[in-house]
C-alpha atoms as a PDB file:
ATOM      1  CA  MET A   1      13.132   2.169 -18.381  1.00  0.00           C
ATOM      2  CA  ILE A   2      10.420   0.125 -20.102  1.00  0.00           C
ATOM      3  CA  VAL A   3      11.386  -2.288 -22.899  1.00  0.00           C
ATOM      4  CA  THR A   4       8.756  -4.077 -25.010  1.00  0.00           C
ATOM      5  CA  CYS A   5       9.646  -7.525 -26.315  1.00  0.00           C
ATOM      6  CA  SER A   6       9.536  -7.451 -30.127  1.00  0.00           C
ATOM      7  CA  LYS A   7       8.282 -11.055 -30.256  1.00  0.00           C
ATOM      8  CA  CYS A   8       5.591 -11.439 -27.567  1.00  0.00           C
ATOM      9  CA  GLN A   9       4.999  -7.737 -26.704  1.00  0.00           C
ATOM     10  CA  THR A  10       5.721  -8.305 -23.007  1.00  0.00           C
ATOM     11  CA  ARG A  11       6.725  -5.095 -21.199  1.00  0.00           C
ATOM     12  CA  LEU A  12       9.956  -5.369 -19.215  1.00  0.00           C
ATOM     13  CA  GLN A  13      10.956  -2.851 -16.554  1.00  0.00           C
ATOM     14  CA  LEU A  14      14.711  -2.220 -16.254  1.00  0.00           C
ATOM     15  CA  ASP A  15      16.532  -0.438 -13.458  1.00  0.00           C
ATOM     16  CA  GLU A  16      17.946   2.727 -15.043  1.00  0.00           C
ATOM     17  CA  ALA A  17      20.769   2.843 -12.504  1.00  0.00           C
ATOM     18  CA  LYS A  18      22.127  -0.452 -13.882  1.00  0.00           C
ATOM     19  CA  ILE A  19      21.747   0.250 -17.613  1.00  0.00           C
ATOM     20  CA  PRO A  20      25.149   0.458 -19.399  1.00  0.00           C
ATOM     21  CA  ALA A  21      26.060   3.339 -21.680  1.00  0.00           C
ATOM     22  CA  ILE A  22      26.420   1.034 -24.721  1.00  0.00           C
ATOM     23  CA  PRO A  23      23.775  -1.042 -26.560  1.00  0.00           C
ATOM     24  CA  PHE A  24      22.983  -4.360 -24.890  1.00  0.00           C
ATOM     25  CA  ASN A  25      20.632  -7.359 -25.131  1.00  0.00           C
ATOM     26  CA  VAL A  26      17.827  -8.278 -22.743  1.00  0.00           C
ATOM     27  CA  ARG A  27      16.327 -11.769 -22.832  1.00  0.00           C
ATOM     28  CA  CYS A  28      12.559 -11.878 -22.388  1.00  0.00           C
ATOM     29  CA  PRO A  29      11.663 -14.124 -19.424  1.00  0.00           C
ATOM     30  CA  LYS A  30       8.434 -15.163 -21.157  1.00  0.00           C
ATOM     31  CA  CYS A  31       9.540 -16.181 -24.669  1.00  0.00           C
ATOM     32  CA  SER A  32      13.375 -16.119 -24.235  1.00  0.00           C
ATOM     33  CA  HIS A  33      13.738 -13.771 -27.197  1.00  0.00           C
ATOM     34  CA  ALA A  34      16.873 -11.577 -27.108  1.00  0.00           C
ATOM     35  CA  ASN A  35      15.921  -7.907 -27.494  1.00  0.00           C
ATOM     36  CA  ASN A  36      18.508  -5.315 -28.483  1.00  0.00           C
ATOM     37  CA  VAL A  37      18.236  -2.206 -26.296  1.00  0.00           C
ATOM     38  CA  GLN A  38      19.658   1.213 -27.081  1.00  0.00           C
ATOM     39  CA  PRO A  39      20.497   3.178 -23.900  1.00  0.00           C
ATOM     40  CA  LEU A  40      18.867   6.525 -23.327  1.00  0.00           C
ATOM     41  CA  ALA A  41      20.854   9.643 -24.117  1.00  0.00           C
ATOM     42  CA  GLY A  42      22.838  10.809 -21.124  1.00  0.00           C
ATOM     43  CA  ASN A  43      22.392   7.502 -19.329  1.00  0.00           C
ATOM     44  CA  SER A  44      26.059   7.521 -18.272  1.00  0.00           C
ATOM     45  CA  ALA A  45      25.363  10.410 -15.925  1.00  0.00           C
ATOM     46  CA  SER A  46      24.841   9.901 -12.236  1.00  0.00           C
ATOM     47  CA  PRO A  47      21.809   7.706 -11.471  1.00  0.00           C
ATOM     48  CA  LEU A  48      20.741  10.182  -8.814  1.00  0.00           C
ATOM     49  CA  ASN A  49      20.309  12.885 -11.437  1.00  0.00           C
ATOM     50  CA  ASN A  50      18.278  10.599 -13.704  1.00  0.00           C
ATOM     51  CA  THR A  51      15.914   9.236 -11.056  1.00  0.00           C
ATOM     52  CA  LYS A  52      12.309   9.593 -12.163  1.00  0.00           C
ATOM     53  CA  SER A  53       9.138   9.163 -10.229  1.00  0.00           C
ATOM     54  CA  ALA A  54       6.611   6.501 -11.071  1.00  0.00           C
ATOM     55  CA  THR A  55       4.135   8.992 -12.506  1.00  0.00           C
ATOM     56  CA  ASP A  56       6.893  10.523 -14.670  1.00  0.00           C
ATOM     57  CA  THR A  57       7.737   7.097 -16.083  1.00  0.00           C
ATOM     58  CA  ILE A  58       4.097   6.292 -16.745  1.00  0.00           C
ATOM     59  CA  THR A  59       3.587   9.643 -18.455  1.00  0.00           C
ATOM     60  CA  GLU A  60       6.567   9.174 -20.784  1.00  0.00           C
ATOM     61  CA  ASP A  61       5.482   5.682 -21.866  1.00  0.00           C
ATOM     62  CA  ALA A  62       1.818   6.548 -22.411  1.00  0.00           C
ATOM     63  CA  SER A  63       0.095   7.677 -25.589  1.00  0.00           C
ATOM     64  CA  PRO A  64      -0.754  11.405 -25.915  1.00  0.00           C
ATOM     65  CA  LEU A  65      -4.345  10.767 -24.809  1.00  0.00           C
ATOM     66  CA  ALA A  66      -3.275   8.636 -21.845  1.00  0.00           C
ATOM     67  CA  ARG A  67      -0.541  11.152 -20.971  1.00  0.00           C
ATOM     68  CA  ALA A  68      -3.087  13.953 -20.686  1.00  0.00           C
ATOM     69  CA  ARG A  69      -5.323  11.770 -18.525  1.00  0.00           C
ATOM     70  CA  LEU A  70      -2.471  10.899 -16.158  1.00  0.00           C
ATOM     71  CA  GLU A  71      -1.261  14.475 -15.810  1.00  0.00           C
ATOM     72  CA  HIS A  72      -4.727  15.688 -14.809  1.00  0.00           C
ATOM     73  CA  ALA A  73      -5.747  12.669 -12.743  1.00  0.00           C
ATOM     74  CA  ALA A  74      -7.240  13.343  -9.322  1.00  0.00           C
ATOM     75  CA  SER A  75      -5.965  11.800  -6.113  1.00  0.00           C
ATOM     76  CA  ALA A  76      -7.581   8.665  -4.734  1.00  0.00           C
ATOM     77  CA  PRO A  77     -10.965   9.670  -3.235  1.00  0.00           C
ATOM     78  CA  VAL A  78     -12.153   9.013   0.301  1.00  0.00           C
ATOM     79  CA  PHE A  79     -14.262   5.884   0.784  1.00  0.00           C
ATOM     80  CA  ARG A  80     -17.850   6.577   1.912  1.00  0.00           C
ATOM     81  CA  ALA A  81     -20.178   3.839   3.130  1.00  0.00           C
ATOM     82  CA  GLU A  82     -23.615   3.875   1.524  1.00  0.00           C
ATOM     83  CA  ALA A  83     -26.522   5.281   3.498  1.00  0.00           C
ATOM     84  CA  SER A  84     -28.445   2.034   3.113  1.00  0.00           C
ATOM     85  CA  ASP A  85     -25.667   0.180   4.889  1.00  0.00           C
ATOM     86  CA  LYS A  86     -25.815   2.655   7.756  1.00  0.00           C
ATOM     87  CA  ASN A  87     -29.576   2.196   8.068  1.00  0.00           C
ATOM     88  CA  SER A  88     -29.145  -1.570   8.088  1.00  0.00           C
ATOM     89  CA  THR A  89     -26.538  -1.317  10.832  1.00  0.00           C
ATOM     90  CA  ALA A  90     -28.812   0.945  12.880  1.00  0.00           C
ATOM     91  CA  LYS A  91     -31.647  -1.577  12.676  1.00  0.00           C
ATOM     92  CA  GLN A  92     -29.372  -4.376  13.850  1.00  0.00           C
ATOM     93  CA  GLU A  93     -28.113  -2.314  16.774  1.00  0.00           C
ATOM     94  CA  SER A  94     -31.647  -1.453  17.887  1.00  0.00           C
ATOM     95  CA  VAL A  95     -32.448  -5.085  18.688  1.00  0.00           C
ATOM     96  CA  ILE A  96     -29.594  -5.470  21.192  1.00  0.00           C
ATOM     97  CA  ASN A  97     -31.065  -6.063  24.635  1.00  0.00           C
ATOM     98  CA  ALA A  98     -29.709  -5.120  28.056  1.00  0.00           C
ATOM     99  CA  GLU A  99     -27.878  -8.412  28.571  1.00  0.00           C
ATOM    100  CA  ASP A 100     -26.005  -7.942  25.300  1.00  0.00           C
ATOM    101  CA  VAL A 101     -24.956  -4.452  26.376  1.00  0.00           C
ATOM    102  CA  VAL A 102     -23.566  -5.749  29.679  1.00  0.00           C
ATOM    103  CA  ARG A 103     -21.704  -8.532  27.905  1.00  0.00           C
ATOM    104  CA  LEU A 104     -20.220  -6.119  25.369  1.00  0.00           C
ATOM    105  CA  LEU A 105     -19.090  -3.697  28.076  1.00  0.00           C
ATOM    106  CA  SER A 106     -17.437  -6.530  29.992  1.00  0.00           C
ATOM    107  CA  ALA A 107     -15.599  -7.688  26.884  1.00  0.00           C
ATOM    108  CA  LEU A 108     -14.401  -4.150  26.154  1.00  0.00           C
ATOM    109  CA  LEU A 109     -13.080  -3.713  29.695  1.00  0.00           C
ATOM    110  CA  GLN A 110     -11.180  -6.992  29.494  1.00  0.00           C
ATOM    111  CA  ARG A 111      -9.756  -6.055  26.132  1.00  0.00           C
ATOM    112  CA  GLY A 112      -8.673  -2.657  27.430  1.00  0.00           C
ATOM    113  CA  ALA A 113      -6.850  -4.222  30.360  1.00  0.00           C
ATOM    114  CA  ALA A 114      -5.107  -6.748  28.124  1.00  0.00           C
ATOM    115  CA  THR A 115      -3.939  -4.150  25.584  1.00  0.00           C
ATOM    116  CA  ALA A 116      -3.033  -1.313  27.942  1.00  0.00           C
ATOM    117  CA  GLY A 117       0.664  -1.816  27.349  1.00  0.00           C
ATOM    118  CA  ALA A 118       0.254  -2.432  23.639  1.00  0.00           C
ATOM    119  CA  GLY A 119      -1.396   0.939  23.067  1.00  0.00           C
ATOM    120  CA  GLU A 120       1.892   2.745  23.472  1.00  0.00           C
ATOM    121  CA  GLY A 121       3.410   0.703  20.673  1.00  0.00           C
ATOM    122  CA  GLU A 122       0.522   1.487  18.344  1.00  0.00           C
ATOM    123  CA  SER A 123       0.622   5.217  19.066  1.00  0.00           C
ATOM    124  CA  SER A 124       4.392   5.299  18.556  1.00  0.00           C
ATOM    125  CA  PHE A 125       3.870   3.924  15.042  1.00  0.00           C
ATOM    126  CA  PHE A 126       0.975   6.193  14.042  1.00  0.00           C
ATOM    127  CA  GLY A 127       2.449   9.269  15.727  1.00  0.00           C
ATOM    128  CA  ARG A 128       0.144  11.299  17.977  1.00  0.00           C
ATOM    129  CA  SER A 129      -2.819   9.385  19.360  1.00  0.00           C
ATOM    130  CA  TRP A 130      -5.248  12.075  18.200  1.00  0.00           C
ATOM    131  CA  GLU A 131      -4.028  12.079  14.591  1.00  0.00           C
ATOM    132  CA  GLN A 132      -6.291  10.568  11.937  1.00  0.00           C
ATOM    133  CA  ARG A 133      -5.086   7.213  10.672  1.00  0.00           C
ATOM    134  CA  ARG A 134      -5.113   7.058   6.868  1.00  0.00           C
ATOM    135  CA  ALA A 135      -5.244   3.963   4.701  1.00  0.00           C
ATOM    136  CA  LEU A 136      -4.780   3.716   0.937  1.00  0.00           C
ATOM    137  CA  VAL A 137      -6.441   0.781  -0.829  1.00  0.00           C
ATOM    138  CA  CYS A 138      -4.852  -0.336  -4.107  1.00  0.00           C
ATOM    139  CA  VAL A 139      -6.524  -3.642  -4.908  1.00  0.00           C
ATOM    140  CA  ALA A 140      -8.436  -5.319  -7.724  1.00  0.00           C
ATOM    141  CA  PRO A 141     -12.061  -4.174  -8.168  1.00  0.00           C
ATOM    142  CA  ALA A 142     -13.383  -7.455  -6.763  1.00  0.00           C
ATOM    143  CA  HIS A 143     -11.902  -6.696  -3.323  1.00  0.00           C
ATOM    144  CA  LYS A 144     -12.134  -2.887  -3.096  1.00  0.00           C
ATOM    145  CA  GLU A 145     -15.448  -2.691  -1.270  1.00  0.00           C
ATOM    146  CA  THR A 146     -14.585  -5.463   1.191  1.00  0.00           C
ATOM    147  CA  VAL A 147     -11.165  -4.085   2.140  1.00  0.00           C
ATOM    148  CA  ALA A 148     -12.308  -0.462   2.328  1.00  0.00           C
ATOM    149  CA  ARG A 149     -15.253  -1.348   4.550  1.00  0.00           C
ATOM    150  CA  ALA A 150     -13.071  -3.401   6.918  1.00  0.00           C
ATOM    151  CA  LEU A 151     -10.630  -0.504   7.319  1.00  0.00           C
ATOM    152  CA  SER A 152     -13.417   2.048   7.703  1.00  0.00           C
ATOM    153  CA  GLU A 153     -14.917   0.035  10.554  1.00  0.00           C
ATOM    154  CA  SER A 154     -11.505   0.227  12.265  1.00  0.00           C
ATOM    155  CA  ARG A 155     -11.708   4.056  12.232  1.00  0.00           C
ATOM    156  CA  TYR A 156      -9.317   4.624   9.344  1.00  0.00           C
ATOM    157  CA  GLU A 157      -9.771   7.423   6.861  1.00  0.00           C
ATOM    158  CA  VAL A 158      -9.830   5.230   3.771  1.00  0.00           C
ATOM    159  CA  PHE A 159      -8.803   6.289   0.261  1.00  0.00           C
ATOM    160  CA  VAL A 160      -9.577   3.950  -2.647  1.00  0.00           C
ATOM    161  CA  ALA A 161      -7.447   4.323  -5.782  1.00  0.00           C
ATOM    162  CA  ALA A 162      -8.971   3.504  -9.159  1.00  0.00           C
ATOM    163  CA  ASP A 163      -5.634   3.480 -10.978  1.00  0.00           C
ATOM    164  CA  THR A 164      -1.896   3.978 -10.516  1.00  0.00           C
ATOM    165  CA  ALA A 165      -1.911   7.749 -11.000  1.00  0.00           C
ATOM    166  CA  GLN A 166      -4.533   8.263  -8.279  1.00  0.00           C
ATOM    167  CA  ALA A 167      -2.606   6.053  -5.868  1.00  0.00           C
ATOM    168  CA  ILE A 168       0.745   7.781  -6.331  1.00  0.00           C
ATOM    169  CA  LYS A 169      -0.744  11.273  -6.130  1.00  0.00           C
ATOM    170  CA  ARG A 170      -2.483  10.408  -2.868  1.00  0.00           C
ATOM    171  CA  MET A 171       0.738   8.952  -1.441  1.00  0.00           C
ATOM    172  CA  ARG A 172       2.535  12.215  -2.213  1.00  0.00           C
ATOM    173  CA  GLU A 173      -0.197  14.469  -0.848  1.00  0.00           C
ATOM    174  CA  ASP A 174      -0.803  12.709   2.484  1.00  0.00           C
ATOM    175  CA  GLN A 175       1.235  10.550   4.841  1.00  0.00           C
ATOM    176  CA  MET A 176      -0.432   7.144   4.755  1.00  0.00           C
ATOM    177  CA  SER A 177      -0.444   4.908   7.822  1.00  0.00           C
ATOM    178  CA  VAL A 178      -1.458   1.744   5.976  1.00  0.00           C
ATOM    179  CA  LEU A 179      -1.186   0.721   2.329  1.00  0.00           C
ATOM    180  CA  VAL A 180      -3.141  -2.324   1.133  1.00  0.00           C
ATOM    181  CA  LEU A 181      -1.650  -3.502  -2.158  1.00  0.00           C
ATOM    182  CA  ASP A 182      -2.825  -6.218  -4.520  1.00  0.00           C
ATOM    183  CA  PRO A 183      -0.398  -7.502  -7.213  1.00  0.00           C
ATOM    184  CA  GLU A 184      -3.364  -7.462  -9.614  1.00  0.00           C
ATOM    185  CA  PHE A 185      -4.032  -3.744  -9.068  1.00  0.00           C
ATOM    186  CA  ASP A 186      -4.201  -1.792 -12.373  1.00  0.00           C
ATOM    187  CA  GLN A 187      -2.400  -4.497 -14.350  1.00  0.00           C
ATOM    188  CA  ILE A 188      -2.635  -2.536 -17.609  1.00  0.00           C
ATOM    189  CA  GLU A 189      -0.354   0.171 -16.177  1.00  0.00           C
ATOM    190  CA  GLN A 190       1.671  -2.262 -14.010  1.00  0.00           C
ATOM    191  CA  GLY A 191       0.257  -0.547 -10.936  1.00  0.00           C
ATOM    192  CA  ALA A 192       1.869  -2.731  -8.278  1.00  0.00           C
ATOM    193  CA  ALA A 193       5.324  -2.331  -9.824  1.00  0.00           C
ATOM    194  CA  PHE A 194       5.119   1.462  -9.945  1.00  0.00           C
ATOM    195  CA  ILE A 195       3.739   1.727  -6.420  1.00  0.00           C
ATOM    196  CA  ASN A 196       6.570  -0.464  -5.124  1.00  0.00           C
ATOM    197  CA  ARG A 197       8.987   1.820  -6.932  1.00  0.00           C
ATOM    198  CA  GLU A 198       7.417   4.842  -5.232  1.00  0.00           C
ATOM    199  CA  ILE A 199       7.799   3.106  -1.865  1.00  0.00           C
ATOM    200  CA  ALA A 200      11.464   2.383  -2.577  1.00  0.00           C
ATOM    201  CA  GLN A 201      12.068   6.115  -3.080  1.00  0.00           C
ATOM    202  CA  LEU A 202      10.733   7.041   0.367  1.00  0.00           C
ATOM    203  CA  ARG A 203      13.152   8.228   3.007  1.00  0.00           C
ATOM    204  CA  PRO A 204      13.818   5.616   5.727  1.00  0.00           C
ATOM    205  CA  VAL A 205      11.823   7.535   8.332  1.00  0.00           C
ATOM    206  CA  GLU A 206       8.845   7.739   5.931  1.00  0.00           C
ATOM    207  CA  ARG A 207       9.084   4.056   5.053  1.00  0.00           C
ATOM    208  CA  ARG A 208       9.011   3.082   8.736  1.00  0.00           C
ATOM    209  CA  ARG A 209       5.770   5.044   9.119  1.00  0.00           C
ATOM    210  CA  LEU A 210       4.074   3.119   6.307  1.00  0.00           C
ATOM    211  CA  PHE A 211       2.609  -0.300   7.140  1.00  0.00           C
ATOM    212  CA  ILE A 212       2.196  -2.334   3.944  1.00  0.00           C
ATOM    213  CA  VAL A 213      -0.377  -5.103   3.625  1.00  0.00           C
ATOM    214  CA  GLN A 214      -0.405  -7.383   0.583  1.00  0.00           C
ATOM    215  CA  LEU A 215      -3.454  -9.326  -0.533  1.00  0.00           C
ATOM    216  CA  SER A 216      -2.807 -12.805  -1.900  1.00  0.00           C
ATOM    217  CA  PRO A 217      -5.094 -15.618  -3.083  1.00  0.00           C
ATOM    218  CA  THR A 218      -2.524 -18.255  -2.086  1.00  0.00           C
ATOM    219  CA  ALA A 219      -0.537 -16.998   0.915  1.00  0.00           C
ATOM    220  CA  ARG A 220      -1.666 -17.732   4.445  1.00  0.00           C
ATOM    221  CA  THR A 221      -2.924 -14.772   6.476  1.00  0.00           C
ATOM    222  CA  ASP A 222      -0.278 -13.417   8.879  1.00  0.00           C
ATOM    223  CA  ASP A 223       2.458 -15.547   7.275  1.00  0.00           C
ATOM    224  CA  ALA A 224       5.630 -13.800   8.464  1.00  0.00           C
ATOM    225  CA  HIS A 225       7.909 -15.615   6.012  1.00  0.00           C
ATOM    226  CA  ALA A 226       5.751 -14.710   3.001  1.00  0.00           C
ATOM    227  CA  ALA A 227       5.643 -11.090   4.184  1.00  0.00           C
ATOM    228  CA  PHE A 228       9.440 -11.009   4.461  1.00  0.00           C
ATOM    229  CA  VAL A 229       9.910 -12.491   0.979  1.00  0.00           C
ATOM    230  CA  ASN A 230       7.495  -9.972  -0.568  1.00  0.00           C
ATOM    231  CA  HIS A 231       8.991  -6.971   1.312  1.00  0.00           C
ATOM    232  CA  VAL A 232       5.740  -6.152   3.115  1.00  0.00           C
ATOM    233  CA  ASN A 233       4.650  -6.038   6.751  1.00  0.00           C
ATOM    234  CA  LEU A 234       1.608  -8.300   6.595  1.00  0.00           C
ATOM    235  CA  MET A 235       0.120 -10.897   4.253  1.00  0.00           C
ATOM    236  CA  VAL A 236      -3.664 -11.319   4.103  1.00  0.00           C
ATOM    237  CA  ASN A 237      -5.406 -14.022   2.106  1.00  0.00           C
ATOM    238  CA  THR A 238      -8.207 -12.674  -0.065  1.00  0.00           C
ATOM    239  CA  LYS A 239     -10.667 -14.998   1.690  1.00  0.00           C
ATOM    240  CA  ASP A 240      -9.907 -13.191   4.983  1.00  0.00           C
ATOM    241  CA  ALA A 241     -10.204  -9.661   3.575  1.00  0.00           C
ATOM    242  CA  ALA A 242     -13.484  -8.958   5.358  1.00  0.00           C
ATOM    243  CA  GLU A 243     -11.942  -9.823   8.753  1.00  0.00           C
ATOM    244  CA  MET A 244      -8.546  -8.222   8.170  1.00  0.00           C
ATOM    245  CA  SER A 245      -9.099  -5.416  10.706  1.00  0.00           C
ATOM    246  CA  SER A 246      -8.364  -7.572  13.772  1.00  0.00           C
ATOM    247  CA  VAL A 247      -5.229  -9.081  12.218  1.00  0.00           C
ATOM    248  CA  LEU A 248      -4.076  -5.644  11.091  1.00  0.00           C
ATOM    249  CA  GLU A 249      -4.499  -4.031  14.518  1.00  0.00           C
ATOM    250  CA  ARG A 250      -2.460  -6.748  16.196  1.00  0.00           C
ATOM    251  CA  ALA A 251       0.274  -6.575  13.551  1.00  0.00           C
ATOM    252  CA  VAL A 252       0.448  -2.775  13.806  1.00  0.00           C
ATOM    253  CA  ARG A 253       0.845  -2.949  17.594  1.00  0.00           C
ATOM    254  CA  ASP A 254       3.666  -5.477  17.242  1.00  0.00           C
ATOM    255  CA  PHE A 255       5.327  -3.289  14.622  1.00  0.00           C
ATOM    256  CA  GLY A 256       5.039  -0.240  16.877  1.00  0.00           C
ATOM    257  CA  GLU A 257       6.600  -2.152  19.760  1.00  0.00           C
ATOM    258  CA  LEU A 258       9.471  -3.226  17.524  1.00  0.00           C
ATOM    259  CA  TYR A 259      10.401   0.342  16.577  1.00  0.00           C
ATOM    260  CA  ARG A 260       9.350   2.087  19.809  1.00  0.00           C
ATOM    261  CA  ASP A 261      12.813   2.289  21.392  1.00  0.00           C
ATOM    262  CA  PHE A 262      14.417   3.059  18.035  1.00  0.00           C
ATOM    263  CA  ASN A 263      12.056   5.984  17.405  1.00  0.00           C
ATOM    264  CA  LYS A 264      12.630   7.287  20.933  1.00  0.00           C
ATOM    265  CA  ALA A 265      16.384   7.212  20.357  1.00  0.00           C
ATOM    266  CA  LEU A 266      16.006   9.121  17.088  1.00  0.00           C
ATOM    267  CA  ALA A 267      13.810  11.735  18.776  1.00  0.00           C
ATOM    268  CA  ALA A 268      16.328  12.161  21.586  1.00  0.00           C
ATOM    269  CA  SER A 269      19.273  12.534  19.204  1.00  0.00           C
ATOM    270  CA  SER A 270      17.490  15.222  17.171  1.00  0.00           C
ATOM    271  CA  THR A 271      16.870  17.468  20.195  1.00  0.00           C
END
């Protein structure tokens, strides 16, 4: 339920499951004004029967024009690198000499030996090793290109959402492996809040298959405590967005190792 402060016009989101059946007051955290709230009709019924999706809530609160736009919004599109960038990369690769090739092959062999055991953990998180890894990018426009390109270079199928409706529709259509979320995403529609609400409605098995990364201008990259406080799997500072692929791969492997035995036990119990 969305309540607008009558004094400062701040929009407050209330948990419908905790709303009483009688009128009550809500104090605005911004201006401390007490707002009288009338409960919705039938609010005393079971919260499970009144649960609404994020897109439903957005649609109800929007104007008729915005409601029509949200109902017919497309899903988040796939990110495509520009052809000029590909040509630039090809030119850079053409100048690599034989010594560079040998050095690169040696580094790859060493990396493969060091991560041989970790690969099982990663595949247990993403499912089958041959399945396409999907990533949904829900960040402010200033970071979209950087984050999408970093994920694309790590062989993810990247979807970039322009607004909240696109993000939620894509989450419902496809099982995402990674979600990159910025608190400043679609602030007009409170995008981060509605996406977090959509995540909270996932079944436990679906939530364990979704690795959530949060961008932050203040938090330290790979800060485990900040990730725990914000209910995400990984924190990435916006300054490190271009190099987030290496941090993400390591964090995903660790996450897969953590749940590997648990997922095996669930698979065994279901057979």
